[in-house]
Amino acid sequence: MSKLPKVNESGFFEIRLESIGGLGANLAGKMLSEDGVVGNGLNGVGFSSYGSEKKGSPVKAHIRFCNPEMTIRDTTPIERPHVVGIFHDALFKTIDCTSGIYPDSTILVNSQKSPDELKNAMKIPGGTIAIVDATGIALEEQTKANTAMLGALYRVLTFLDPESMRQTIRRTFEKKYPHLVEPNIRTFDRGYNEVEFQTFELNENEPISPFKRAEPLLGYETQTIGGTIINPGNSILKDLSISRAGMLPHFHDDKCINCAACDTACPDFCFVWEEKADKRGRPQMFLQGIDYQYCKGCLKCVHACPVEALTSEREYNDGYADKNRVPHVFDLAIRN
């Protein structure tokens, strides 16, 4: 039987997975809680919270473990996790992924960024940051990032047996998807072996703020007097970069014939056009590039392009989307 390294005042070791729809955090949470109970002799519970299940929308998975003699009666969302698994580093833009962590919590991030970059992005005082390129592993093994994240989590959760998770993966896939068993086990092993850790010591002169539950901005006590909505939601202000799962369309201007097949296939109007004179002096629309703020990486444009002016390539964490973004004119007007 596994022994928990630490527990909270209620006797639970708690894990929270922060993700977006389509990356498999819901299934990862189910497999993790199942293996903790069936394969490691703990008592546990796992559940997820999500909205419309649309790809790209926020998803949270909550896992609680305790000693087998305890009874779990708590199924509330986890507010103070000992371990946080973040499935996409773009989540920092819109969600406080590290809310409620302890000073010694471990944060696992699917990213290629450095530990210092992630620490600054998450604005945490200290703790341990674990980094694994789960997206890259999944693309190479033709699986999903969730299995690589599980492998990395089992390096963090040293009280769990990785061999029992390999058996859980086998049970999960062998009946309906037997061809996915070995690729997912390889993905799990690579996540386990390729994760890297760095611990940041707490600054003794910087006091640790006590945990405080966030209040809703539009609750019956906290909303603006008169119910005024200052910034209504609209598609102009949306940012779909969080929906991308590691791949982007790359635009090759020298190959483009301006046929607009990409624009016809694009569901989010990412392509930016400008009217210019052609070789004969006649007005024609020319493709200037892609506004990556509105691109969710569906790659329909790549399949539609007849001349390979758009190619599907890995989105590396070097700011490619920001450097090569061609903003829409109306977007610039609103921001200015």
C-alpha atoms as a PDB file:
ATOM      1  CA  MET A   1       0.000   0.000   0.000  1.00  0.00           C
ATOM      2  CA  SER A   2       1.286   3.480  -0.892  1.00  0.00           C
ATOM      3  CA  LYS A   3       1.988   6.029   1.824  1.00  0.00           C
ATOM      4  CA  LEU A   4       1.026   9.648   1.239  1.00  0.00           C
ATOM      5  CA  PRO A   5       3.934  12.101   1.731  1.00  0.00           C
ATOM      6  CA  LYS A   6       1.732  14.880   3.133  1.00  0.00           C
ATOM      7  CA  VAL A   7      -1.946  15.619   3.738  1.00  0.00           C
ATOM      8  CA  ASN A   8      -4.053  18.675   4.556  1.00  0.00           C
ATOM      9  CA  GLU A   9      -6.036  19.233   7.735  1.00  0.00           C
ATOM     10  CA  SER A  10      -8.785  16.943   6.430  1.00  0.00           C
ATOM     11  CA  GLY A  11      -6.352  14.101   5.719  1.00  0.00           C
ATOM     12  CA  PHE A  12      -6.304  14.477   1.898  1.00  0.00           C
ATOM     13  CA  PHE A  13      -3.505  14.733  -0.635  1.00  0.00           C
ATOM     14  CA  GLU A  14      -5.013  16.846  -3.419  1.00  0.00           C
ATOM     15  CA  ILE A  15      -4.161  17.262  -7.110  1.00  0.00           C
ATOM     16  CA  ARG A  16      -5.681  19.713  -9.595  1.00  0.00           C
ATOM     17  CA  LEU A  17      -5.262  19.489 -13.367  1.00  0.00           C
ATOM     18  CA  GLU A  18      -5.730  22.700 -15.351  1.00  0.00           C
ATOM     19  CA  SER A  19      -6.423  22.240 -19.047  1.00  0.00           C
ATOM     20  CA  ILE A  20      -8.530  23.057 -22.075  1.00  0.00           C
ATOM     21  CA  GLY A  21     -11.043  20.831 -23.840  1.00  0.00           C
ATOM     22  CA  GLY A  22      -9.398  18.450 -26.281  1.00  0.00           C
ATOM     23  CA  LEU A  23      -6.141  17.746 -24.413  1.00  0.00           C
ATOM     24  CA  GLY A  24      -7.532  14.830 -22.394  1.00  0.00           C
ATOM     25  CA  ALA A  25      -7.314  16.148 -18.819  1.00  0.00           C
ATOM     26  CA  ASN A  26     -10.707  14.652 -17.967  1.00  0.00           C
ATOM     27  CA  LEU A  27      -9.551  11.143 -18.956  1.00  0.00           C
ATOM     28  CA  ALA A  28      -6.167  11.676 -17.279  1.00  0.00           C
ATOM     29  CA  GLY A  29      -7.898  12.572 -14.006  1.00  0.00           C
ATOM     30  CA  LYS A  30     -10.108   9.473 -14.205  1.00  0.00           C
ATOM     31  CA  MET A  31      -7.135   7.191 -14.900  1.00  0.00           C
ATOM     32  CA  LEU A  32      -5.060   8.776 -12.133  1.00  0.00           C
ATOM     33  CA  SER A  33      -7.783   8.391  -9.496  1.00  0.00           C
ATOM     34  CA  GLU A  34      -8.560   4.831 -10.657  1.00  0.00           C
ATOM     35  CA  ASP A  35      -4.933   3.758 -10.465  1.00  0.00           C
ATOM     36  CA  GLY A  36      -4.443   5.316  -7.040  1.00  0.00           C
ATOM     37  CA  VAL A  37      -7.294   3.196  -5.707  1.00  0.00           C
ATOM     38  CA  VAL A  38      -7.042  -0.028  -7.724  1.00  0.00           C
ATOM     39  CA  GLY A  39      -3.303  -0.179  -8.278  1.00  0.00           C
ATOM     40  CA  ASN A  40      -1.889   1.480  -5.145  1.00  0.00           C
ATOM     41  CA  GLY A  41      -4.319   0.676  -2.334  1.00  0.00           C
ATOM     42  CA  LEU A  42      -5.362   4.221  -1.509  1.00  0.00           C
ATOM     43  CA  ASN A  43      -8.838   5.605  -1.077  1.00  0.00           C
ATOM     44  CA  GLY A  44      -9.575   8.292  -3.637  1.00  0.00           C
ATOM     45  CA  VAL A  45     -12.032  10.223  -5.723  1.00  0.00           C
ATOM     46  CA  GLY A  46     -11.728  12.022  -9.054  1.00  0.00           C
ATOM     47  CA  PHE A  47     -14.091  14.336 -10.911  1.00  0.00           C
ATOM     48  CA  SER A  48     -13.928  17.103 -13.489  1.00  0.00           C
ATOM     49  CA  SER A  49     -15.536  20.476 -14.076  1.00  0.00           C
ATOM     50  CA  TYR A  50     -16.065  21.950 -17.531  1.00  0.00           C
ATOM     51  CA  GLY A  51     -18.530  23.946 -19.559  1.00  0.00           C
ATOM     52  CA  SER A  52     -19.901  23.069 -22.968  1.00  0.00           C
ATOM     53  CA  GLU A  53     -17.156  20.475 -23.654  1.00  0.00           C
ATOM     54  CA  LYS A  54     -16.103  22.553 -26.646  1.00  0.00           C
ATOM     55  CA  LYS A  55     -12.481  22.229 -27.714  1.00  0.00           C
ATOM     56  CA  GLY A  56     -10.526  25.093 -26.216  1.00  0.00           C
ATOM     57  CA  SER A  57     -12.785  25.827 -23.234  1.00  0.00           C
ATOM     58  CA  PRO A  58     -11.334  25.550 -19.691  1.00  0.00           C
ATOM     59  CA  VAL A  59     -11.370  22.134 -18.009  1.00  0.00           C
ATOM     60  CA  LYS A  60     -10.349  21.240 -14.463  1.00  0.00           C
ATOM     61  CA  ALA A  61      -9.822  17.735 -13.068  1.00  0.00           C
ATOM     62  CA  HIS A  62      -9.786  17.227  -9.285  1.00  0.00           C
ATOM     63  CA  ILE A  63      -8.219  14.188  -7.568  1.00  0.00           C
ATOM     64  CA  ARG A  64      -8.179  13.454  -3.840  1.00  0.00           C
ATOM     65  CA  PHE A  65      -6.271  10.624  -2.157  1.00  0.00           C
ATOM     66  CA  CYS A  66      -6.351   9.523   1.478  1.00  0.00           C
ATOM     67  CA  ASN A  67      -5.469   6.490   3.552  1.00  0.00           C
ATOM     68  CA  PRO A  68      -7.779   3.497   2.953  1.00  0.00           C
ATOM     69  CA  GLU A  69      -9.307   3.570   6.440  1.00  0.00           C
ATOM     70  CA  MET A  70     -10.740   7.051   5.758  1.00  0.00           C
ATOM     71  CA  THR A  71     -14.108   7.741   4.154  1.00  0.00           C
ATOM     72  CA  ILE A  72     -14.247  10.479   1.541  1.00  0.00           C
ATOM     73  CA  ARG A  73     -17.292  12.702   1.856  1.00  0.00           C
ATOM     74  CA  ASP A  74     -15.785  15.783   0.210  1.00  0.00           C
ATOM     75  CA  THR A  75     -16.476  16.283  -3.506  1.00  0.00           C
ATOM     76  CA  THR A  76     -15.960  20.035  -3.638  1.00  0.00           C
ATOM     77  CA  PRO A  77     -13.529  21.519  -6.186  1.00  0.00           C
ATOM     78  CA  ILE A  78      -9.923  21.512  -4.979  1.00  0.00           C
ATOM     79  CA  GLU A  79      -8.861  24.988  -3.903  1.00  0.00           C
ATOM     80  CA  ARG A  80      -5.534  24.188  -2.201  1.00  0.00           C
ATOM     81  CA  PRO A  81      -3.655  21.595  -4.279  1.00  0.00           C
ATOM     82  CA  HIS A  82      -0.396  19.933  -3.292  1.00  0.00           C
ATOM     83  CA  VAL A  83       0.291  19.321  -7.001  1.00  0.00           C
ATOM     84  CA  VAL A  84      -0.963  21.256 -10.030  1.00  0.00           C
ATOM     85  CA  GLY A  85      -0.711  19.892 -13.569  1.00  0.00           C
ATOM     86  CA  ILE A  86      -1.016  22.580 -16.270  1.00  0.00           C
ATOM     87  CA  PHE A  87      -1.671  21.081 -19.712  1.00  0.00           C
ATOM     88  CA  HIS A  88      -1.065  24.252 -21.760  1.00  0.00           C
ATOM     89  CA  ASP A  89       1.162  27.192 -20.809  1.00  0.00           C
ATOM     90  CA  ALA A  90      -1.125  29.631 -22.668  1.00  0.00           C
ATOM     91  CA  LEU A  91      -3.622  29.132 -19.817  1.00  0.00           C
ATOM     92  CA  PHE A  92      -1.696  31.747 -17.817  1.00  0.00           C
ATOM     93  CA  LYS A  93      -3.208  34.425 -20.069  1.00  0.00           C
ATOM     94  CA  THR A  94      -6.750  33.951 -18.793  1.00  0.00           C
ATOM     95  CA  ILE A  95      -6.742  31.674 -15.722  1.00  0.00           C
ATOM     96  CA  ASP A  96      -5.009  31.796 -12.336  1.00  0.00           C
ATOM     97  CA  CYS A  97      -3.783  28.207 -12.624  1.00  0.00           C
ATOM     98  CA  THR A  98      -1.760  28.292  -9.414  1.00  0.00           C
ATOM     99  CA  SER A  99      -4.414  29.709  -7.091  1.00  0.00           C
ATOM    100  CA  GLY A 100      -4.340  28.228  -3.614  1.00  0.00           C
ATOM    101  CA  ILE A 101      -0.975  26.461  -3.875  1.00  0.00           C
ATOM    102  CA  TYR A 102       1.172  25.875  -0.785  1.00  0.00           C
ATOM    103  CA  PRO A 103       4.709  27.297  -0.542  1.00  0.00           C
ATOM    104  CA  ASP A 104       6.079  23.787  -1.214  1.00  0.00           C
ATOM    105  CA  SER A 105       3.589  22.733  -3.899  1.00  0.00           C
ATOM    106  CA  THR A 106       4.856  21.209  -7.148  1.00  0.00           C
ATOM    107  CA  ILE A 107       3.628  22.682 -10.436  1.00  0.00           C
ATOM    108  CA  LEU A 108       3.932  20.515 -13.546  1.00  0.00           C
ATOM    109  CA  VAL A 109       3.713  22.462 -16.831  1.00  0.00           C
ATOM    110  CA  ASN A 110       3.478  21.254 -20.425  1.00  0.00           C
ATOM    111  CA  SER A 111       5.918  23.730 -21.929  1.00  0.00           C
ATOM    112  CA  GLN A 112       9.252  24.367 -23.630  1.00  0.00           C
ATOM    113  CA  LYS A 113       9.874  27.558 -21.661  1.00  0.00           C
ATOM    114  CA  SER A 114      12.566  27.874 -19.017  1.00  0.00           C
ATOM    115  CA  PRO A 115      11.734  27.510 -15.296  1.00  0.00           C
ATOM    116  CA  ASP A 116      12.475  31.206 -14.736  1.00  0.00           C
ATOM    117  CA  GLU A 117      10.088  32.242 -17.533  1.00  0.00           C
ATOM    118  CA  LEU A 118       7.342  30.065 -16.085  1.00  0.00           C
ATOM    119  CA  LYS A 119       7.925  31.316 -12.536  1.00  0.00           C
ATOM    120  CA  ASN A 120       7.552  34.906 -13.716  1.00  0.00           C
ATOM    121  CA  ALA A 121       4.497  34.088 -15.823  1.00  0.00           C
ATOM    122  CA  MET A 122       2.769  32.306 -12.934  1.00  0.00           C
ATOM    123  CA  LYS A 123       3.877  34.956 -10.396  1.00  0.00           C
ATOM    124  CA  ILE A 124       4.617  32.412  -7.672  1.00  0.00           C
ATOM    125  CA  PRO A 125       6.951  33.157  -4.724  1.00  0.00           C
ATOM    126  CA  GLY A 126       8.661  29.751  -4.792  1.00  0.00           C
ATOM    127  CA  GLY A 127       8.154  26.004  -4.885  1.00  0.00           C
ATOM    128  CA  THR A 128       9.078  23.327  -7.413  1.00  0.00           C
ATOM    129  CA  ILE A 129       8.389  23.684 -11.133  1.00  0.00           C
ATOM    130  CA  ALA A 130       8.439  20.545 -13.269  1.00  0.00           C
ATOM    131  CA  ILE A 131       8.574  20.952 -17.054  1.00  0.00           C
ATOM    132  CA  VAL A 132       7.824  18.410 -19.766  1.00  0.00           C
ATOM    133  CA  ASP A 133       7.268  18.925 -23.483  1.00  0.00           C
ATOM    134  CA  ALA A 134       4.126  16.782 -23.467  1.00  0.00           C
ATOM    135  CA  THR A 135       2.867  18.266 -26.735  1.00  0.00           C
ATOM    136  CA  GLY A 136       6.110  17.458 -28.547  1.00  0.00           C
ATOM    137  CA  ILE A 137       6.135  13.899 -27.200  1.00  0.00           C
ATOM    138  CA  ALA A 138       2.497  13.382 -28.220  1.00  0.00           C
ATOM    139  CA  LEU A 139       3.104  14.691 -31.738  1.00  0.00           C
ATOM    140  CA  GLU A 140       6.074  12.362 -32.205  1.00  0.00           C
ATOM    141  CA  GLU A 141       4.254   9.317 -30.819  1.00  0.00           C
ATOM    142  CA  GLN A 142       0.932  10.249 -32.498  1.00  0.00           C
ATOM    143  CA  THR A 143      -0.946  10.201 -29.195  1.00  0.00           C
ATOM    144  CA  LYS A 144      -2.278  12.938 -26.894  1.00  0.00           C
ATOM    145  CA  ALA A 145      -0.514  15.131 -24.386  1.00  0.00           C
ATOM    146  CA  ASN A 146      -2.477  13.683 -21.452  1.00  0.00           C
ATOM    147  CA  THR A 147      -0.506  10.409 -21.391  1.00  0.00           C
ATOM    148  CA  ALA A 148       2.809  12.271 -21.378  1.00  0.00           C
ATOM    149  CA  MET A 149       1.501  14.464 -18.560  1.00  0.00           C
ATOM    150  CA  LEU A 150       0.541  11.326 -16.622  1.00  0.00           C
ATOM    151  CA  GLY A 151       4.078  10.014 -17.029  1.00  0.00           C
ATOM    152  CA  ALA A 152       5.509  13.262 -15.673  1.00  0.00           C
ATOM    153  CA  LEU A 153       2.966  13.273 -12.832  1.00  0.00           C
ATOM    154  CA  TYR A 154       4.182   9.836 -11.748  1.00  0.00           C
ATOM    155  CA  ARG A 155       7.675  11.287 -11.316  1.00  0.00           C
ATOM    156  CA  VAL A 156       6.114  13.966  -9.095  1.00  0.00           C
ATOM    157  CA  LEU A 157       3.814  11.560  -7.231  1.00  0.00           C
ATOM    158  CA  THR A 158       6.522   9.253  -5.970  1.00  0.00           C
ATOM    159  CA  PHE A 159       4.053   7.342  -3.769  1.00  0.00           C
ATOM    160  CA  LEU A 160       2.377   5.884  -6.888  1.00  0.00           C
ATOM    161  CA  ASP A 161       3.757   2.910  -8.824  1.00  0.00           C
ATOM    162  CA  PRO A 162       4.338   3.717 -12.537  1.00  0.00           C
ATOM    163  CA  GLU A 163       3.957   0.053 -13.498  1.00  0.00           C
ATOM    164  CA  SER A 164       0.387   0.062 -12.167  1.00  0.00           C
ATOM    165  CA  MET A 165      -0.396   3.042 -14.436  1.00  0.00           C
ATOM    166  CA  ARG A 166       0.991   1.149 -17.427  1.00  0.00           C
ATOM    167  CA  GLN A 167      -1.524  -1.588 -16.638  1.00  0.00           C
ATOM    168  CA  THR A 168      -4.284   1.024 -16.287  1.00  0.00           C
ATOM    169  CA  ILE A 169      -3.390   2.401 -19.729  1.00  0.00           C
ATOM    170  CA  ARG A 170      -3.540  -1.114 -21.137  1.00  0.00           C
ATOM    171  CA  ARG A 171      -6.977  -1.768 -19.599  1.00  0.00           C
ATOM    172  CA  THR A 172      -8.290   1.589 -20.820  1.00  0.00           C
ATOM    173  CA  PHE A 173      -7.349   1.153 -24.477  1.00  0.00           C
ATOM    174  CA  GLU A 174      -6.996  -2.553 -25.255  1.00  0.00           C
ATOM    175  CA  LYS A 175     -10.679  -3.355 -25.906  1.00  0.00           C
ATOM    176  CA  LYS A 176     -11.744  -0.469 -28.159  1.00  0.00           C
ATOM    177  CA  TYR A 177      -8.376   0.877 -29.354  1.00  0.00           C
ATOM    178  CA  PRO A 178      -5.795  -1.931 -29.119  1.00  0.00           C
ATOM    179  CA  HIS A 179      -3.511  -0.194 -31.637  1.00  0.00           C
ATOM    180  CA  LEU A 180      -3.125   2.731 -29.189  1.00  0.00           C
ATOM    181  CA  VAL A 181      -1.861   0.669 -26.240  1.00  0.00           C
ATOM    182  CA  GLU A 182       1.853   0.576 -27.056  1.00  0.00           C
ATOM    183  CA  PRO A 183       2.082   4.191 -28.358  1.00  0.00           C
ATOM    184  CA  ASN A 184       0.447   5.443 -25.154  1.00  0.00           C
ATOM    185  CA  ILE A 185       2.745   3.372 -22.954  1.00  0.00           C
ATOM    186  CA  ARG A 186       5.733   4.791 -24.853  1.00  0.00           C
ATOM    187  CA  THR A 187       4.287   8.282 -24.386  1.00  0.00           C
ATOM    188  CA  PHE A 188       3.843   7.638 -20.650  1.00  0.00           C
ATOM    189  CA  ASP A 189       7.435   6.393 -20.317  1.00  0.00           C
ATOM    190  CA  ARG A 190       8.824   9.388 -22.205  1.00  0.00           C
ATOM    191  CA  GLY A 191       6.882  11.800 -20.001  1.00  0.00           C
ATOM    192  CA  TYR A 192       8.229   9.963 -16.942  1.00  0.00           C
ATOM    193  CA  ASN A 193      11.841  10.097 -18.151  1.00  0.00           C
ATOM    194  CA  GLU A 194      11.959  13.513 -19.832  1.00  0.00           C
ATOM    195  CA  VAL A 195      10.421  15.735 -17.127  1.00  0.00           C
ATOM    196  CA  GLU A 196      12.844  18.199 -15.533  1.00  0.00           C
ATOM    197  CA  PHE A 197      12.633  19.862 -12.114  1.00  0.00           C
ATOM    198  CA  GLN A 198      13.785  23.118 -10.570  1.00  0.00           C
ATOM    199  CA  THR A 199      13.084  24.267  -7.024  1.00  0.00           C
ATOM    200  CA  PHE A 200      12.915  27.955  -6.121  1.00  0.00           C
ATOM    201  CA  GLU A 201      13.604  28.869  -2.501  1.00  0.00           C
ATOM    202  CA  LEU A 202      11.187  31.225  -0.819  1.00  0.00           C
ATOM    203  CA  ASN A 203      12.376  34.725  -0.044  1.00  0.00           C
ATOM    204  CA  GLU A 204      12.432  34.957   3.752  1.00  0.00           C
ATOM    205  CA  ASN A 205      11.882  38.722   3.595  1.00  0.00           C
ATOM    206  CA  GLU A 206       8.741  38.323   1.479  1.00  0.00           C
ATOM    207  CA  PRO A 207       5.704  37.405   3.595  1.00  0.00           C
ATOM    208  CA  ILE A 208       3.447  34.638   2.330  1.00  0.00           C
ATOM    209  CA  SER A 209      -0.087  35.870   1.700  1.00  0.00           C
ATOM    210  CA  PRO A 210      -2.759  33.740   3.388  1.00  0.00           C
ATOM    211  CA  PHE A 211      -5.160  31.881   1.141  1.00  0.00           C
ATOM    212  CA  LYS A 212      -8.267  33.867   0.271  1.00  0.00           C
ATOM    213  CA  ARG A 213     -11.150  32.548  -1.783  1.00  0.00           C
ATOM    214  CA  ALA A 214     -11.818  34.697  -4.844  1.00  0.00           C
ATOM    215  CA  GLU A 215     -15.196  36.392  -5.004  1.00  0.00           C
ATOM    216  CA  PRO A 216     -17.242  36.459  -8.224  1.00  0.00           C
ATOM    217  CA  LEU A 217     -17.058  39.789 -10.041  1.00  0.00           C
ATOM    218  CA  LEU A 218     -20.725  39.686 -11.007  1.00  0.00           C
ATOM    219  CA  GLY A 219     -22.295  38.231  -7.875  1.00  0.00           C
ATOM    220  CA  TYR A 220     -25.372  39.721  -6.263  1.00  0.00           C
ATOM    221  CA  GLU A 221     -23.153  41.587  -3.789  1.00  0.00           C
ATOM    222  CA  THR A 222     -20.206  42.400  -6.063  1.00  0.00           C
ATOM    223  CA  GLN A 223     -21.705  43.503  -9.373  1.00  0.00           C
ATOM    224  CA  THR A 224     -21.610  47.143 -10.464  1.00  0.00           C
ATOM    225  CA  ILE A 225     -24.477  49.284  -9.225  1.00  0.00           C
ATOM    226  CA  GLY A 226     -27.134  49.385 -11.912  1.00  0.00           C
ATOM    227  CA  GLY A 227     -25.809  46.228 -13.568  1.00  0.00           C
ATOM    228  CA  THR A 228     -23.731  48.173 -16.091  1.00  0.00           C
ATOM    229  CA  ILE A 229     -21.686  45.980 -18.421  1.00  0.00           C
ATOM    230  CA  ILE A 230     -18.717  48.144 -19.356  1.00  0.00           C
ATOM    231  CA  ASN A 231     -17.018  45.640 -21.659  1.00  0.00           C
ATOM    232  CA  PRO A 232     -19.544  43.361 -23.393  1.00  0.00           C
ATOM    233  CA  GLY A 233     -18.206  40.093 -24.816  1.00  0.00           C
ATOM    234  CA  ASN A 234     -17.743  40.010 -28.559  1.00  0.00           C
ATOM    235  CA  SER A 235     -15.761  38.148 -31.161  1.00  0.00           C
ATOM    236  CA  ILE A 236     -13.410  41.087 -31.837  1.00  0.00           C
ATOM    237  CA  LEU A 237     -11.817  40.786 -28.388  1.00  0.00           C
ATOM    238  CA  LYS A 238     -11.534  36.978 -28.379  1.00  0.00           C
ATOM    239  CA  ASP A 239      -8.170  35.231 -28.116  1.00  0.00           C
ATOM    240  CA  LEU A 240      -8.122  31.692 -29.486  1.00  0.00           C
ATOM    241  CA  SER A 241      -4.408  31.095 -28.973  1.00  0.00           C
ATOM    242  CA  ILE A 242      -5.245  29.077 -25.868  1.00  0.00           C
ATOM    243  CA  SER A 243      -7.083  26.536 -28.053  1.00  0.00           C
ATOM    244  CA  ARG A 244      -4.019  25.520 -30.056  1.00  0.00           C
ATOM    245  CA  ALA A 245      -2.548  22.132 -29.292  1.00  0.00           C
ATOM    246  CA  GLY A 246       0.963  22.675 -30.591  1.00  0.00           C
ATOM    247  CA  MET A 247       0.474  23.142 -34.347  1.00  0.00           C
ATOM    248  CA  LEU A 248       0.085  26.270 -36.469  1.00  0.00           C
ATOM    249  CA  PRO A 249      -0.385  27.070 -40.175  1.00  0.00           C
ATOM    250  CA  HIS A 250       2.796  28.703 -41.496  1.00  0.00           C
ATOM    251  CA  PHE A 251       2.303  31.110 -44.405  1.00  0.00           C
ATOM    252  CA  HIS A 252       4.723  31.064 -47.363  1.00  0.00           C
ATOM    253  CA  ASP A 253       4.111  34.286 -49.273  1.00  0.00           C
ATOM    254  CA  ASP A 254       6.268  33.286 -52.265  1.00  0.00           C
ATOM    255  CA  LYS A 255       3.994  30.310 -53.059  1.00  0.00           C
ATOM    256  CA  CYS A 256       0.613  32.013 -52.528  1.00  0.00           C
ATOM    257  CA  ILE A 257      -1.660  32.508 -55.566  1.00  0.00           C
ATOM    258  CA  ASN A 258      -4.300  34.471 -53.569  1.00  0.00           C
ATOM    259  CA  CYS A 259      -7.067  32.023 -54.460  1.00  0.00           C
ATOM    260  CA  ALA A 260      -8.771  32.486 -51.025  1.00  0.00           C
ATOM    261  CA  ALA A 261      -9.336  28.744 -50.553  1.00  0.00           C
ATOM    262  CA  CYS A 262      -7.829  29.114 -47.077  1.00  0.00           C
ATOM    263  CA  ASP A 263     -10.159  31.970 -46.179  1.00  0.00           C
ATOM    264  CA  THR A 264     -13.157  29.944 -47.323  1.00  0.00           C
ATOM    265  CA  ALA A 265     -12.148  27.010 -45.109  1.00  0.00           C
ATOM    266  CA  CYS A 266     -11.212  29.079 -42.032  1.00  0.00           C
ATOM    267  CA  PRO A 267     -13.983  29.067 -39.376  1.00  0.00           C
ATOM    268  CA  ASP A 268     -12.601  32.090 -37.509  1.00  0.00           C
ATOM    269  CA  PHE A 269     -11.664  34.600 -40.252  1.00  0.00           C
ATOM    270  CA  CYS A 270      -7.953  34.589 -39.389  1.00  0.00           C
ATOM    271  CA  PHE A 271      -6.681  35.691 -42.797  1.00  0.00           C
ATOM    272  CA  VAL A 272      -5.850  39.338 -43.502  1.00  0.00           C
ATOM    273  CA  TRP A 273      -6.260  40.724 -47.031  1.00  0.00           C
ATOM    274  CA  GLU A 274      -5.356  43.996 -48.703  1.00  0.00           C
ATOM    275  CA  GLU A 275      -6.494  45.431 -52.028  1.00  0.00           C
ATOM    276  CA  LYS A 276      -3.631  46.219 -54.412  1.00  0.00           C
ATOM    277  CA  ALA A 277      -3.082  46.528 -58.149  1.00  0.00           C
ATOM    278  CA  ASP A 278      -2.097  43.376 -60.010  1.00  0.00           C
ATOM    279  CA  LYS A 279       0.471  43.237 -62.850  1.00  0.00           C
ATOM    280  CA  ARG A 280      -2.027  44.783 -65.230  1.00  0.00           C
ATOM    281  CA  GLY A 281      -3.056  47.526 -62.847  1.00  0.00           C
ATOM    282  CA  ARG A 282      -6.405  45.996 -61.963  1.00  0.00           C
ATOM    283  CA  PRO A 283      -7.539  45.925 -58.311  1.00  0.00           C
ATOM    284  CA  GLN A 284      -7.125  42.537 -56.624  1.00  0.00           C
ATOM    285  CA  MET A 285      -7.123  41.232 -53.061  1.00  0.00           C
ATOM    286  CA  PHE A 286      -3.745  39.951 -51.868  1.00  0.00           C
ATOM    287  CA  LEU A 287      -3.213  37.805 -48.767  1.00  0.00           C
ATOM    288  CA  GLN A 288      -1.005  39.614 -46.242  1.00  0.00           C
ATOM    289  CA  GLY A 289      -0.820  36.940 -43.556  1.00  0.00           C
ATOM    290  CA  ILE A 290      -2.575  35.424 -40.556  1.00  0.00           C
ATOM    291  CA  ASP A 291      -3.887  37.069 -37.408  1.00  0.00           C
ATOM    292  CA  TYR A 292      -2.838  34.334 -34.986  1.00  0.00           C
ATOM    293  CA  GLN A 293      -4.923  35.791 -32.159  1.00  0.00           C
ATOM    294  CA  TYR A 294      -7.969  34.277 -33.850  1.00  0.00           C
ATOM    295  CA  CYS A 295      -6.283  31.019 -34.963  1.00  0.00           C
ATOM    296  CA  LYS A 296      -7.120  27.922 -32.920  1.00  0.00           C
ATOM    297  CA  GLY A 297      -4.865  25.631 -34.952  1.00  0.00           C
ATOM    298  CA  CYS A 298      -7.583  23.549 -36.650  1.00  0.00           C
ATOM    299  CA  LEU A 299      -5.380  23.471 -39.815  1.00  0.00           C
ATOM    300  CA  LYS A 300      -8.350  23.333 -42.203  1.00  0.00           C
ATOM    301  CA  CYS A 301      -6.608  26.014 -44.249  1.00  0.00           C
ATOM    302  CA  VAL A 302      -3.554  23.776 -44.733  1.00  0.00           C
ATOM    303  CA  HIS A 303      -5.692  21.028 -46.248  1.00  0.00           C
ATOM    304  CA  ALA A 304      -7.552  23.522 -48.447  1.00  0.00           C
ATOM    305  CA  CYS A 305      -4.468  25.225 -49.942  1.00  0.00           C
ATOM    306  CA  PRO A 306      -3.828  23.884 -53.476  1.00  0.00           C
ATOM    307  CA  VAL A 307      -0.209  25.105 -53.772  1.00  0.00           C
ATOM    308  CA  GLU A 308       1.239  24.356 -50.299  1.00  0.00           C
ATOM    309  CA  ALA A 309       1.501  28.042 -49.425  1.00  0.00           C
ATOM    310  CA  LEU A 310       0.320  26.983 -45.962  1.00  0.00           C
ATOM    311  CA  THR A 311       2.101  24.210 -44.096  1.00  0.00           C
ATOM    312  CA  SER A 312       1.384  22.568 -40.756  1.00  0.00           C
ATOM    313  CA  GLU A 313       4.320  23.030 -38.411  1.00  0.00           C
ATOM    314  CA  ARG A 314       5.033  22.942 -34.696  1.00  0.00           C
ATOM    315  CA  GLU A 315       4.348  26.093 -32.703  1.00  0.00           C
ATOM    316  CA  TYR A 316       7.499  26.555 -30.678  1.00  0.00           C
ATOM    317  CA  ASN A 317       7.641  28.783 -27.640  1.00  0.00           C
ATOM    318  CA  ASP A 318       9.791  31.429 -29.328  1.00  0.00           C
ATOM    319  CA  GLY A 319       6.979  33.906 -29.865  1.00  0.00           C
ATOM    320  CA  TYR A 320       6.386  32.814 -33.458  1.00  0.00           C
ATOM    321  CA  ALA A 321       2.698  33.712 -33.407  1.00  0.00           C
ATOM    322  CA  ASP A 322       3.342  37.161 -31.925  1.00  0.00           C
ATOM    323  CA  LYS A 323       6.252  37.903 -34.266  1.00  0.00           C
ATOM    324  CA  ASN A 324       4.410  36.825 -37.423  1.00  0.00           C
ATOM    325  CA  ARG A 325       0.906  37.983 -36.551  1.00  0.00           C
ATOM    326  CA  VAL A 326      -0.687  40.325 -39.106  1.00  0.00           C
ATOM    327  CA  PRO A 327      -3.430  42.150 -37.151  1.00  0.00           C
ATOM    328  CA  HIS A 328      -6.804  42.900 -38.687  1.00  0.00           C
ATOM    329  CA  VAL A 329      -7.312  46.594 -39.455  1.00  0.00           C
ATOM    330  CA  PHE A 330     -10.454  46.776 -37.325  1.00  0.00           C
ATOM    331  CA  ASP A 331      -8.549  45.217 -34.441  1.00  0.00           C
ATOM    332  CA  LEU A 332      -5.873  47.908 -34.601  1.00  0.00           C
ATOM    333  CA  ALA A 333      -8.539  50.622 -34.704  1.00  0.00           C
ATOM    334  CA  ILE A 334     -10.221  49.271 -31.563  1.00  0.00           C
ATOM    335  CA  ARG A 335      -6.952  48.918 -29.648  1.00  0.00           C
ATOM    336  CA  ASN A 336      -5.896  52.451 -30.549  1.00  0.00           C
END
